[in-house]
Amino acid sequence: MASHKITLALILFLTIFTYSNAKLGPLKETELTVYFQDYSSGPNATVIECPPPSRGLNFSTFGAMFCADDPITEGFEDSSALIARGRGLNVISSLDDGSSAHVMLSVVFIGGKYNGSSIEIYGNDPRTGYREVPVVGGTGKFRLARGYATFETLNFDPVRSHATIRSNLTVLHY
């Protein structure tokens, strides 16, 4: 009798496992290069400190929290095609001089072949020149995503308070 229960449990498990794989399809890998257009002041700022400070932004104070809604473009120029928005929070999470931030970021696609999909980025950002943060999920075409995103600030224009940040995303998804 015990062997029948084990056999039945194994058949049930294999049926569920086979159905799950069939429904999700094969695992795919997508590599994308996108450009965050980050404006830290002015009437069209895309990143603000929460709550807004009475002084200027301070990116090195422990506990400082920043909310972002950056345009994400196909190319380096801020006038290139808008394909997504980078929406989320950065929290300065190191007690020293702000050398580390915790990132919670959604790349929300608003055009092109990924329209309506998102990639979720969550983890430690060491705030060095070239940095890597985990991809922990996604929606739509990036359902059950995992992988990593790299970020590199290519240019900062202090007059416009505008930074261009290149992100290379390597994402495994169904």
N, C-alpha and C. Protein backbone atom coordinates (compact mmCIF):
# COMPACT_ATOMS: atom_id res chain seq x y z
N MET A 1 0.82 -1.19 0.00
CA MET A 1 0.00 0.00 0.00
C MET A 1 0.87 1.26 0.00
N ALA A 2 1.97 1.26 0.77
CA ALA A 2 2.85 2.42 0.84
C ALA A 2 3.49 2.68 -0.51
N SER A 3 3.83 1.61 -1.25
CA SER A 3 4.46 1.80 -2.56
C SER A 3 3.47 2.41 -3.55
N HIS A 4 2.17 2.14 -3.41
CA HIS A 4 1.16 2.75 -4.28
C HIS A 4 1.05 4.25 -4.01
N LYS A 5 1.15 4.64 -2.73
CA LYS A 5 1.09 6.06 -2.39
C LYS A 5 2.29 6.80 -2.96
N ILE A 6 3.47 6.18 -2.89
CA ILE A 6 4.68 6.80 -3.44
C ILE A 6 4.56 6.92 -4.94
N THR A 7 4.09 5.87 -5.61
CA THR A 7 3.92 5.88 -7.06
C THR A 7 2.92 6.95 -7.47
N LEU A 8 1.80 7.02 -6.77
CA LEU A 8 0.78 8.02 -7.07
C LEU A 8 1.33 9.44 -6.87
N ALA A 9 2.07 9.66 -5.80
CA ALA A 9 2.68 10.97 -5.53
C ALA A 9 3.68 11.33 -6.63
N LEU A 10 4.48 10.37 -7.07
CA LEU A 10 5.46 10.60 -8.13
C LEU A 10 4.76 10.94 -9.45
N ILE A 11 3.72 10.25 -9.79
CA ILE A 11 2.96 10.52 -11.02
C ILE A 11 2.36 11.92 -10.94
N LEU A 12 1.78 12.28 -9.81
CA LEU A 12 1.19 13.60 -9.64
C LEU A 12 2.26 14.68 -9.77
N PHE A 13 3.41 14.50 -9.14
CA PHE A 13 4.51 15.47 -9.22
C PHE A 13 4.97 15.63 -10.67
N LEU A 14 5.21 14.53 -11.36
CA LEU A 14 5.68 14.59 -12.75
C LEU A 14 4.66 15.25 -13.66
N THR A 15 3.38 15.01 -13.41
CA THR A 15 2.32 15.63 -14.21
C THR A 15 2.33 17.15 -14.02
N ILE A 16 2.40 17.58 -12.78
CA ILE A 16 2.43 19.02 -12.49
C ILE A 16 3.70 19.64 -13.07
N PHE A 17 4.84 19.01 -12.90
CA PHE A 17 6.10 19.52 -13.40
C PHE A 17 6.06 19.63 -14.92
N THR A 18 5.58 18.63 -15.60
CA THR A 18 5.51 18.63 -17.07
C THR A 18 4.56 19.71 -17.55
N TYR A 19 3.41 19.85 -16.91
CA TYR A 19 2.44 20.87 -17.30
C TYR A 19 3.03 22.27 -17.11
N SER A 20 3.72 22.49 -15.97
CA SER A 20 4.31 23.80 -15.69
C SER A 20 5.32 24.18 -16.76
N ASN A 21 6.20 23.26 -17.14
CA ASN A 21 7.19 23.56 -18.18
C ASN A 21 6.53 23.81 -19.52
N ALA A 22 5.50 23.06 -19.84
CA ALA A 22 4.81 23.24 -21.12
C ALA A 22 4.15 24.61 -21.19
N LYS A 23 3.56 25.05 -20.10
CA LYS A 23 2.86 26.33 -20.10
C LYS A 23 3.82 27.52 -20.18
N LEU A 24 4.96 27.45 -19.51
CA LEU A 24 5.92 28.54 -19.50
C LEU A 24 6.74 28.62 -20.77
N GLY A 25 6.98 27.51 -21.40
CA GLY A 25 7.82 27.50 -22.58
C GLY A 25 9.29 27.44 -22.20
N PRO A 26 10.16 27.52 -23.20
CA PRO A 26 11.59 27.40 -22.93
C PRO A 26 12.16 28.67 -22.28
N LEU A 27 13.22 28.49 -21.53
CA LEU A 27 13.93 29.61 -20.91
C LEU A 27 14.67 30.39 -22.00
N LYS A 28 14.53 31.72 -22.00
CA LYS A 28 15.18 32.57 -23.00
C LYS A 28 16.16 33.50 -22.30
N GLU A 29 17.14 33.97 -23.05
CA GLU A 29 18.07 34.99 -22.55
C GLU A 29 17.94 36.22 -23.43
N THR A 30 17.76 37.38 -22.79
CA THR A 30 17.68 38.65 -23.50
C THR A 30 18.76 39.57 -22.96
N GLU A 31 19.50 40.19 -23.87
CA GLU A 31 20.49 41.19 -23.51
C GLU A 31 20.07 42.53 -24.09
N LEU A 32 20.01 43.55 -23.25
CA LEU A 32 19.59 44.89 -23.66
C LEU A 32 20.60 45.91 -23.19
N THR A 33 20.80 46.94 -23.96
CA THR A 33 21.55 48.12 -23.53
C THR A 33 20.62 49.30 -23.63
N VAL A 34 20.41 49.99 -22.51
CA VAL A 34 19.52 51.14 -22.45
C VAL A 34 20.23 52.27 -21.73
N TYR A 35 19.67 53.47 -21.83
CA TYR A 35 20.30 54.66 -21.26
C TYR A 35 19.30 55.40 -20.38
N PHE A 36 19.63 55.50 -19.09
CA PHE A 36 18.83 56.28 -18.14
C PHE A 36 19.22 57.74 -18.30
N GLN A 37 18.21 58.60 -18.46
CA GLN A 37 18.41 60.05 -18.54
C GLN A 37 17.96 60.64 -17.21
N ASP A 38 18.92 60.95 -16.35
CA ASP A 38 18.66 61.30 -14.96
C ASP A 38 18.83 62.81 -14.76
N TYR A 39 17.77 63.48 -14.35
CA TYR A 39 17.79 64.92 -14.08
C TYR A 39 17.58 65.13 -12.59
N SER A 40 18.58 65.71 -11.90
CA SER A 40 18.51 65.80 -10.44
C SER A 40 18.07 67.16 -9.90
N SER A 41 17.73 68.10 -10.77
CA SER A 41 17.17 69.37 -10.29
C SER A 41 16.43 70.06 -11.42
N GLY A 42 15.79 71.17 -11.07
CA GLY A 42 15.04 71.93 -12.07
C GLY A 42 13.58 71.53 -12.10
N PRO A 43 12.82 72.20 -12.96
CA PRO A 43 11.37 71.95 -13.01
C PRO A 43 11.01 70.57 -13.57
N ASN A 44 11.92 69.94 -14.29
CA ASN A 44 11.65 68.62 -14.87
C ASN A 44 12.53 67.54 -14.23
N ALA A 45 12.85 67.71 -12.95
CA ALA A 45 13.68 66.73 -12.25
C ALA A 45 13.03 65.35 -12.29
N THR A 46 13.84 64.32 -12.50
CA THR A 46 13.32 62.95 -12.54
C THR A 46 13.76 62.16 -11.32
N VAL A 47 14.54 62.78 -10.44
CA VAL A 47 14.91 62.16 -9.17
C VAL A 47 14.82 63.24 -8.08
N ILE A 48 14.14 62.89 -6.99
CA ILE A 48 14.02 63.83 -5.87
C ILE A 48 14.30 63.10 -4.57
N GLU A 49 14.74 63.86 -3.59
CA GLU A 49 14.92 63.28 -2.26
C GLU A 49 13.56 63.25 -1.57
N CYS A 50 13.29 62.18 -0.82
CA CYS A 50 12.01 62.01 -0.13
C CYS A 50 12.24 62.02 1.37
N PRO A 51 11.63 62.89 2.13
CA PRO A 51 10.89 64.06 1.66
C PRO A 51 11.86 65.08 1.08
N PRO A 52 11.36 66.00 0.27
CA PRO A 52 12.26 67.00 -0.32
C PRO A 52 12.97 67.80 0.77
N PRO A 53 14.29 67.91 0.65
CA PRO A 53 15.05 68.63 1.68
C PRO A 53 14.93 70.14 1.52
N SER A 54 15.22 70.87 2.58
CA SER A 54 15.22 72.33 2.49
C SER A 54 16.53 72.81 1.87
N ARG A 55 17.52 71.94 1.81
CA ARG A 55 18.80 72.23 1.17
C ARG A 55 18.86 71.46 -0.14
N GLY A 56 19.98 71.47 -0.82
CA GLY A 56 20.14 70.71 -2.06
C GLY A 56 20.20 69.21 -1.79
N LEU A 57 20.12 68.41 -2.86
CA LEU A 57 20.20 66.96 -2.71
C LEU A 57 21.52 66.56 -2.09
N ASN A 58 21.49 65.55 -1.21
CA ASN A 58 22.71 65.07 -0.59
C ASN A 58 22.78 63.56 -0.78
N PHE A 59 23.61 63.13 -1.73
CA PHE A 59 23.70 61.72 -2.09
C PHE A 59 24.67 60.94 -1.20
N SER A 60 25.09 61.53 -0.07
CA SER A 60 26.04 60.82 0.79
C SER A 60 25.60 60.71 2.24
N THR A 61 24.37 61.06 2.56
CA THR A 61 23.87 60.98 3.94
C THR A 61 23.16 59.66 4.17
N PHE A 62 23.61 58.94 5.22
CA PHE A 62 22.98 57.68 5.58
C PHE A 62 21.48 57.87 5.78
N GLY A 63 20.68 57.01 5.16
CA GLY A 63 19.24 57.05 5.29
C GLY A 63 18.53 57.95 4.29
N ALA A 64 19.28 58.74 3.54
CA ALA A 64 18.63 59.59 2.52
C ALA A 64 17.96 58.69 1.48
N MET A 65 16.75 59.05 1.10
CA MET A 65 15.97 58.23 0.17
C MET A 65 15.60 59.09 -1.04
N PHE A 66 15.76 58.50 -2.21
CA PHE A 66 15.49 59.20 -3.46
C PHE A 66 14.49 58.43 -4.30
N CYS A 67 13.53 59.13 -4.82
CA CYS A 67 12.52 58.56 -5.69
C CYS A 67 12.84 58.97 -7.12
N ALA A 68 12.79 58.01 -8.06
CA ALA A 68 13.16 58.30 -9.45
C ALA A 68 12.06 57.88 -10.41
N ASP A 69 11.96 58.63 -11.48
CA ASP A 69 11.12 58.29 -12.63
C ASP A 69 11.86 58.75 -13.88
N ASP A 70 12.99 58.11 -14.14
CA ASP A 70 13.88 58.50 -15.23
C ASP A 70 13.38 58.01 -16.58
N PRO A 71 13.46 58.86 -17.61
CA PRO A 71 13.24 58.36 -18.96
C PRO A 71 14.37 57.41 -19.33
N ILE A 72 14.04 56.33 -20.02
CA ILE A 72 15.05 55.38 -20.50
C ILE A 72 14.95 55.39 -22.03
N THR A 73 16.10 55.64 -22.66
CA THR A 73 16.13 55.78 -24.11
C THR A 73 16.95 54.67 -24.76
N GLU A 74 16.75 54.52 -26.08
CA GLU A 74 17.51 53.52 -26.85
C GLU A 74 18.97 53.92 -27.00
N GLY A 75 19.22 55.20 -27.09
CA GLY A 75 20.58 55.68 -27.34
C GLY A 75 21.07 56.63 -26.27
N PHE A 76 22.31 57.05 -26.41
CA PHE A 76 22.98 57.91 -25.44
C PHE A 76 22.32 59.28 -25.32
N GLU A 77 21.93 59.86 -26.42
CA GLU A 77 21.35 61.21 -26.42
C GLU A 77 19.99 61.21 -25.74
N ASP A 78 19.72 62.24 -24.94
CA ASP A 78 18.42 62.29 -24.26
C ASP A 78 17.28 62.53 -25.24
N SER A 79 17.59 62.88 -26.48
CA SER A 79 16.56 63.05 -27.51
C SER A 79 16.27 61.76 -28.29
N SER A 80 17.00 60.68 -27.99
CA SER A 80 16.75 59.42 -28.71
C SER A 80 15.42 58.80 -28.24
N ALA A 81 14.98 57.76 -28.93
CA ALA A 81 13.65 57.18 -28.70
C ALA A 81 13.46 56.73 -27.25
N LEU A 82 12.35 57.17 -26.65
CA LEU A 82 11.96 56.77 -25.29
C LEU A 82 11.34 55.38 -25.36
N ILE A 83 11.90 54.42 -24.59
CA ILE A 83 11.37 53.05 -24.63
C ILE A 83 10.85 52.58 -23.28
N ALA A 84 11.28 53.25 -22.20
CA ALA A 84 10.88 52.79 -20.86
C ALA A 84 11.04 53.92 -19.87
N ARG A 85 10.60 53.65 -18.64
CA ARG A 85 10.81 54.56 -17.51
C ARG A 85 11.50 53.75 -16.41
N GLY A 86 12.44 54.37 -15.72
CA GLY A 86 13.10 53.76 -14.57
C GLY A 86 12.47 54.30 -13.30
N ARG A 87 11.57 53.52 -12.70
CA ARG A 87 10.81 54.00 -11.56
C ARG A 87 11.18 53.22 -10.30
N GLY A 88 11.52 53.95 -9.24
CA GLY A 88 11.85 53.26 -8.01
C GLY A 88 12.50 54.14 -6.97
N LEU A 89 13.19 53.48 -6.04
CA LEU A 89 13.81 54.14 -4.90
C LEU A 89 15.27 53.75 -4.77
N ASN A 90 16.07 54.69 -4.32
CA ASN A 90 17.46 54.45 -3.89
C ASN A 90 17.55 54.96 -2.46
N VAL A 91 18.11 54.15 -1.59
CA VAL A 91 18.30 54.55 -0.20
C VAL A 91 19.78 54.43 0.12
N ILE A 92 20.38 55.51 0.62
CA ILE A 92 21.79 55.45 1.02
C ILE A 92 21.85 54.56 2.25
N SER A 93 22.58 53.44 2.11
CA SER A 93 22.53 52.40 3.15
C SER A 93 23.87 52.14 3.82
N SER A 94 24.83 53.03 3.63
CA SER A 94 26.12 52.85 4.30
C SER A 94 26.34 54.00 5.28
N LEU A 95 26.92 53.66 6.42
CA LEU A 95 27.15 54.67 7.46
C LEU A 95 28.32 55.60 7.13
N ASP A 96 29.17 55.17 6.22
CA ASP A 96 30.33 56.01 5.88
C ASP A 96 29.87 57.19 5.02
N ASP A 97 30.57 57.51 4.01
CA ASP A 97 30.29 58.69 3.19
C ASP A 97 29.28 58.43 2.06
N GLY A 98 28.37 57.49 2.26
CA GLY A 98 27.37 57.21 1.24
C GLY A 98 27.88 56.36 0.10
N SER A 99 28.85 55.49 0.39
CA SER A 99 29.48 54.69 -0.66
C SER A 99 28.60 53.55 -1.18
N SER A 100 27.45 53.32 -0.54
CA SER A 100 26.58 52.23 -0.96
C SER A 100 25.12 52.65 -0.85
N ALA A 101 24.34 52.21 -1.83
CA ALA A 101 22.90 52.48 -1.82
C ALA A 101 22.16 51.17 -2.04
N HIS A 102 20.93 51.13 -1.56
CA HIS A 102 20.07 49.99 -1.83
C HIS A 102 19.09 50.43 -2.91
N VAL A 103 19.02 49.66 -4.00
CA VAL A 103 18.23 50.01 -5.17
C VAL A 103 16.99 49.13 -5.27
N MET A 104 15.85 49.75 -5.48
CA MET A 104 14.59 49.07 -5.78
C MET A 104 14.04 49.77 -7.02
N LEU A 105 14.20 49.14 -8.19
CA LEU A 105 13.94 49.83 -9.44
C LEU A 105 13.15 48.95 -10.40
N SER A 106 12.14 49.53 -11.01
CA SER A 106 11.37 48.86 -12.06
C SER A 106 11.68 49.53 -13.39
N VAL A 107 12.12 48.75 -14.36
CA VAL A 107 12.25 49.24 -15.73
C VAL A 107 10.93 48.91 -16.40
N VAL A 108 10.11 49.94 -16.62
CA VAL A 108 8.76 49.77 -17.14
C VAL A 108 8.76 50.17 -18.62
N PHE A 109 8.59 49.18 -19.49
CA PHE A 109 8.63 49.43 -20.93
C PHE A 109 7.32 50.06 -21.39
N ILE A 110 7.43 51.17 -22.13
CA ILE A 110 6.26 51.91 -22.58
C ILE A 110 6.17 51.98 -24.10
N GLY A 111 7.00 51.23 -24.78
CA GLY A 111 6.96 51.22 -26.23
C GLY A 111 7.75 50.05 -26.78
N GLY A 112 7.63 49.84 -28.07
CA GLY A 112 8.40 48.80 -28.74
C GLY A 112 7.90 47.40 -28.43
N LYS A 113 8.74 46.42 -28.72
CA LYS A 113 8.31 45.03 -28.60
C LYS A 113 8.13 44.56 -27.16
N TYR A 114 8.64 45.32 -26.18
CA TYR A 114 8.47 44.95 -24.76
C TYR A 114 7.40 45.79 -24.07
N ASN A 115 6.62 46.55 -24.82
CA ASN A 115 5.58 47.43 -24.26
C ASN A 115 4.71 46.69 -23.25
N GLY A 116 4.56 47.28 -22.06
CA GLY A 116 3.73 46.69 -21.01
C GLY A 116 4.47 45.72 -20.11
N SER A 117 5.69 45.37 -20.44
CA SER A 117 6.50 44.46 -19.62
C SER A 117 7.38 45.26 -18.67
N SER A 118 7.93 44.58 -17.66
CA SER A 118 8.86 45.26 -16.74
C SER A 118 9.96 44.30 -16.31
N ILE A 119 11.06 44.90 -15.88
CA ILE A 119 12.18 44.17 -15.28
C ILE A 119 12.41 44.78 -13.90
N GLU A 120 12.48 43.92 -12.88
CA GLU A 120 12.65 44.38 -11.50
C GLU A 120 14.10 44.21 -11.06
N ILE A 121 14.70 45.31 -10.59
CA ILE A 121 16.10 45.33 -10.14
C ILE A 121 16.09 45.66 -8.66
N TYR A 122 16.82 44.87 -7.88
CA TYR A 122 16.75 45.03 -6.42
C TYR A 122 18.07 44.57 -5.81
N GLY A 123 18.72 45.44 -5.06
CA GLY A 123 19.94 45.02 -4.37
C GLY A 123 20.87 46.16 -4.06
N ASN A 124 22.08 45.79 -3.69
CA ASN A 124 23.11 46.74 -3.30
C ASN A 124 23.77 47.38 -4.51
N ASP A 125 23.91 48.69 -4.47
CA ASP A 125 24.63 49.44 -5.50
C ASP A 125 25.84 50.06 -4.82
N PRO A 126 27.05 49.57 -5.14
CA PRO A 126 28.25 50.09 -4.46
C PRO A 126 28.62 51.51 -4.86
N ARG A 127 27.91 52.10 -5.81
CA ARG A 127 28.09 53.49 -6.23
C ARG A 127 29.51 53.79 -6.68
N THR A 128 30.12 52.82 -7.34
CA THR A 128 31.43 53.04 -7.97
C THR A 128 31.20 53.34 -9.44
N GLY A 129 32.24 53.49 -10.23
CA GLY A 129 32.09 53.81 -11.64
C GLY A 129 31.28 52.79 -12.41
N TYR A 130 31.56 51.52 -12.22
CA TYR A 130 30.87 50.42 -12.90
C TYR A 130 30.30 49.53 -11.83
N ARG A 131 29.00 49.30 -11.86
CA ARG A 131 28.38 48.54 -10.78
C ARG A 131 27.38 47.52 -11.32
N GLU A 132 27.15 46.50 -10.54
CA GLU A 132 26.26 45.40 -10.93
C GLU A 132 25.23 45.20 -9.84
N VAL A 133 23.97 45.06 -10.26
CA VAL A 133 22.85 44.88 -9.34
C VAL A 133 21.99 43.72 -9.87
N PRO A 134 21.44 42.87 -9.00
CA PRO A 134 20.66 41.73 -9.46
C PRO A 134 19.31 42.11 -10.08
N VAL A 135 18.92 41.34 -11.10
CA VAL A 135 17.56 41.36 -11.62
C VAL A 135 16.83 40.24 -10.90
N VAL A 136 15.72 40.57 -10.24
CA VAL A 136 15.04 39.58 -9.39
C VAL A 136 13.64 39.20 -9.86
N GLY A 137 13.17 39.80 -10.95
CA GLY A 137 11.84 39.46 -11.43
C GLY A 137 11.46 40.28 -12.63
N GLY A 138 10.24 40.06 -13.08
CA GLY A 138 9.74 40.80 -14.22
C GLY A 138 8.30 40.43 -14.51
N THR A 139 7.71 41.16 -15.45
CA THR A 139 6.34 40.89 -15.87
C THR A 139 6.27 40.85 -17.38
N GLY A 140 5.13 40.40 -17.89
CA GLY A 140 4.92 40.36 -19.34
C GLY A 140 5.93 39.46 -20.02
N LYS A 141 6.64 40.00 -21.00
CA LYS A 141 7.63 39.22 -21.74
C LYS A 141 8.81 38.81 -20.87
N PHE A 142 8.95 39.41 -19.69
CA PHE A 142 10.05 39.09 -18.77
C PHE A 142 9.55 38.35 -17.53
N ARG A 143 8.47 37.60 -17.68
CA ARG A 143 7.88 36.86 -16.57
C ARG A 143 8.94 35.94 -15.94
N LEU A 144 9.00 35.94 -14.62
CA LEU A 144 9.93 35.12 -13.83
C LEU A 144 11.39 35.42 -14.17
N ALA A 145 11.70 36.67 -14.46
CA ALA A 145 13.06 37.05 -14.85
C ALA A 145 14.05 36.90 -13.70
N ARG A 146 15.28 36.64 -14.09
CA ARG A 146 16.42 36.68 -13.17
C ARG A 146 17.64 37.02 -14.00
N GLY A 147 18.63 37.60 -13.37
CA GLY A 147 19.83 37.98 -14.11
C GLY A 147 20.55 39.10 -13.40
N TYR A 148 21.13 40.01 -14.20
CA TYR A 148 21.86 41.12 -13.60
C TYR A 148 21.81 42.33 -14.52
N ALA A 149 22.00 43.50 -13.91
CA ALA A 149 22.05 44.76 -14.63
C ALA A 149 23.34 45.46 -14.22
N THR A 150 24.05 45.99 -15.20
CA THR A 150 25.21 46.81 -14.88
C THR A 150 24.86 48.26 -15.16
N PHE A 151 25.46 49.15 -14.40
CA PHE A 151 25.24 50.58 -14.56
C PHE A 151 26.59 51.29 -14.61
N GLU A 152 26.67 52.27 -15.50
CA GLU A 152 27.88 53.08 -15.61
C GLU A 152 27.48 54.50 -16.01
N THR A 153 27.85 55.47 -15.19
CA THR A 153 27.56 56.87 -15.53
C THR A 153 28.54 57.31 -16.60
N LEU A 154 28.02 57.62 -17.78
CA LEU A 154 28.86 57.99 -18.91
C LEU A 154 29.15 59.48 -18.96
N ASN A 155 28.19 60.28 -18.48
CA ASN A 155 28.33 61.72 -18.60
C ASN A 155 27.51 62.40 -17.52
N PHE A 156 28.05 63.50 -16.98
CA PHE A 156 27.27 64.34 -16.08
C PHE A 156 27.47 65.78 -16.50
N ASP A 157 26.38 66.47 -16.77
CA ASP A 157 26.39 67.89 -17.13
C ASP A 157 25.89 68.67 -15.93
N PRO A 158 26.80 69.34 -15.17
CA PRO A 158 26.36 70.04 -13.95
C PRO A 158 25.46 71.24 -14.22
N VAL A 159 25.57 71.83 -15.39
CA VAL A 159 24.72 72.97 -15.72
C VAL A 159 23.26 72.54 -15.83
N ARG A 160 23.02 71.41 -16.47
CA ARG A 160 21.67 70.88 -16.64
C ARG A 160 21.28 69.91 -15.53
N SER A 161 22.20 69.56 -14.63
CA SER A 161 22.00 68.52 -13.60
C SER A 161 21.51 67.24 -14.25
N HIS A 162 22.16 66.86 -15.35
CA HIS A 162 21.75 65.71 -16.16
C HIS A 162 22.87 64.69 -16.24
N ALA A 163 22.54 63.45 -15.86
CA ALA A 163 23.48 62.34 -15.99
C ALA A 163 22.92 61.35 -17.00
N THR A 164 23.80 60.80 -17.82
CA THR A 164 23.44 59.71 -18.72
C THR A 164 24.09 58.45 -18.18
N ILE A 165 23.27 57.45 -17.88
CA ILE A 165 23.74 56.21 -17.26
C ILE A 165 23.42 55.05 -18.20
N ARG A 166 24.47 54.35 -18.63
CA ARG A 166 24.25 53.18 -19.49
C ARG A 166 24.00 51.96 -18.61
N SER A 167 22.99 51.18 -18.99
CA SER A 167 22.68 49.94 -18.28
C SER A 167 22.66 48.80 -19.29
N ASN A 168 23.45 47.79 -18.99
CA ASN A 168 23.43 46.54 -19.76
C ASN A 168 22.68 45.53 -18.92
N LEU A 169 21.59 45.01 -19.48
CA LEU A 169 20.74 44.05 -18.77
C LEU A 169 20.89 42.68 -19.42
N THR A 170 21.20 41.68 -18.60
CA THR A 170 21.21 40.29 -19.05
C THR A 170 20.13 39.58 -18.23
N VAL A 171 19.10 39.11 -18.94
CA VAL A 171 17.91 38.60 -18.27
C VAL A 171 17.54 37.23 -18.81
N LEU A 172 17.36 36.27 -17.90
CA LEU A 172 16.79 34.97 -18.22
C LEU A 172 15.32 35.02 -17.87
N HIS A 173 14.45 34.57 -18.78
CA HIS A 173 13.01 34.65 -18.56
C HIS A 173 12.31 33.63 -19.44
N TYR A 174 11.01 33.48 -19.20
CA TYR A 174 10.20 32.54 -19.99
C TYR A 174 9.40 33.28 -21.03
